[in-house]
């Protein structure tokens, strides 16, 4: 795992918590900020996944079928 993957997952989890808080407090702005944070986290994790894939490919760690 690389830092982008870890930070992305952390943002996703924090966004879920913020979204849930917005839902419980009936605060649409907080709810939307949580959703946006999840989207940002998913993008960052996806970038980290791509970096990891390239790194593994260069090192020959990918299994060929």
C-alpha atoms as a PDB file:
ATOM      1  CA  UNK A   1       0.000   0.000   0.000  1.00  0.00           C
ATOM      2  CA  UNK A   2       1.096   3.533  -0.665  1.00  0.00           C
ATOM      3  CA  UNK A   3       0.228   6.806   1.021  1.00  0.00           C
ATOM      4  CA  UNK A   4      -2.442   7.764  -1.530  1.00  0.00           C
ATOM      5  CA  UNK A   5      -4.294   4.512  -0.905  1.00  0.00           C
ATOM      6  CA  UNK A   6      -4.177   4.973   2.863  1.00  0.00           C
ATOM      7  CA  UNK A   7      -5.197   8.634   2.791  1.00  0.00           C
ATOM      8  CA  UNK A   8      -7.950   7.865   0.292  1.00  0.00           C
ATOM      9  CA  UNK A   9      -9.475   5.208   2.530  1.00  0.00           C
ATOM     10  CA  UNK A  10      -9.207   7.559   5.522  1.00  0.00           C
ATOM     11  CA  UNK A  11     -11.081  10.261   3.585  1.00  0.00           C
ATOM     12  CA  UNK A  12     -13.760   7.777   2.569  1.00  0.00           C
ATOM     13  CA  UNK A  13     -14.303   6.720   6.175  1.00  0.00           C
ATOM     14  CA  UNK A  14     -14.325  10.301   7.457  1.00  0.00           C
ATOM     15  CA  UNK A  15     -16.771  11.253   4.720  1.00  0.00           C
ATOM     16  CA  UNK A  16     -19.087   8.403   5.668  1.00  0.00           C
ATOM     17  CA  UNK A  17     -19.045   9.585   9.275  1.00  0.00           C
ATOM     18  CA  UNK A  18     -19.731  13.188   8.212  1.00  0.00           C
ATOM     19  CA  UNK A  19     -22.526  12.056   5.902  1.00  0.00           C
ATOM     20  CA  UNK A  20     -24.096  10.016   8.688  1.00  0.00           C
ATOM     21  CA  UNK A  21     -23.815  12.951  11.102  1.00  0.00           C
ATOM     22  CA  UNK A  22     -25.510  15.193   8.566  1.00  0.00           C
ATOM     23  CA  UNK A  23     -28.271  12.632   8.199  1.00  0.00           C
ATOM     24  CA  UNK A  24     -28.770  12.286  11.960  1.00  0.00           C
ATOM     25  CA  UNK A  25     -28.654  16.050  12.569  1.00  0.00           C
ATOM     26  CA  UNK A  26     -30.871  16.756   9.545  1.00  0.00           C
ATOM     27  CA  UNK A  27     -28.129  18.988   8.137  1.00  0.00           C
ATOM     28  CA  UNK A  28     -28.108  18.743   4.320  1.00  0.00           C
ATOM     29  CA  UNK A  29     -24.914  20.799   3.987  1.00  0.00           C
ATOM     30  CA  UNK A  30     -22.999  18.459   6.314  1.00  0.00           C
ATOM     31  CA  UNK A  31     -24.466  15.467   4.475  1.00  0.00           C
ATOM     32  CA  UNK A  32     -23.268  16.788   1.096  1.00  0.00           C
ATOM     33  CA  UNK A  33     -19.813  17.624   2.451  1.00  0.00           C
ATOM     34  CA  UNK A  34     -19.560  14.021   3.615  1.00  0.00           C
ATOM     35  CA  UNK A  35     -20.495  12.702   0.194  1.00  0.00           C
ATOM     36  CA  UNK A  36     -17.965  15.017  -1.476  1.00  0.00           C
ATOM     37  CA  UNK A  37     -15.276  13.863   0.929  1.00  0.00           C
ATOM     38  CA  UNK A  38     -16.035  10.260   0.024  1.00  0.00           C
ATOM     39  CA  UNK A  39     -15.732  11.072  -3.679  1.00  0.00           C
ATOM     40  CA  UNK A  40     -12.410  12.834  -3.091  1.00  0.00           C
ATOM     41  CA  UNK A  41     -11.186   9.848  -1.094  1.00  0.00           C
ATOM     42  CA  UNK A  42     -12.243   7.413  -3.798  1.00  0.00           C
ATOM     43  CA  UNK A  43     -10.364   9.439  -6.420  1.00  0.00           C
ATOM     44  CA  UNK A  44      -7.236   9.555  -4.278  1.00  0.00           C
ATOM     45  CA  UNK A  45      -7.436   5.830  -3.543  1.00  0.00           C
ATOM     46  CA  UNK A  46      -7.916   5.110  -7.245  1.00  0.00           C
ATOM     47  CA  UNK A  47      -4.817   7.142  -8.041  1.00  0.00           C
ATOM     48  CA  UNK A  48      -2.907   5.207  -5.399  1.00  0.00           C
ATOM     49  CA  UNK A  49      -4.204   1.910  -6.787  1.00  0.00           C
ATOM     50  CA  UNK A  50      -2.966   2.887 -10.252  1.00  0.00           C
ATOM     51  CA  UNK A  51       0.441   3.841  -8.876  1.00  0.00           C
ATOM     52  CA  UNK A  52       0.654   0.528  -7.029  1.00  0.00           C
ATOM     53  CA  UNK A  53      -0.330  -1.388 -10.167  1.00  0.00           C
ATOM     54  CA  UNK A  54       2.407   0.316 -12.182  1.00  0.00           C
ATOM     55  CA  UNK A  55       4.957  -0.278  -9.429  1.00  0.00           C
ATOM     56  CA  UNK A  56       4.011  -3.969  -9.229  1.00  0.00           C
ATOM     57  CA  UNK A  57       4.084  -4.284 -13.011  1.00  0.00           C
ATOM     58  CA  UNK A  58       7.580  -2.810 -13.199  1.00  0.00           C
ATOM     59  CA  UNK A  59       8.784  -5.210 -10.512  1.00  0.00           C
ATOM     60  CA  UNK A  60       7.199  -8.191 -12.254  1.00  0.00           C
ATOM     61  CA  UNK A  61       4.919  -8.947  -9.325  1.00  0.00           C
ATOM     62  CA  UNK A  62       1.782  -9.341 -11.411  1.00  0.00           C
ATOM     63  CA  UNK A  63       0.739 -12.875 -12.117  1.00  0.00           C
ATOM     64  CA  UNK A  64       0.289 -13.644 -15.773  1.00  0.00           C
ATOM     65  CA  UNK A  65      -2.625 -15.822 -16.790  1.00  0.00           C
END
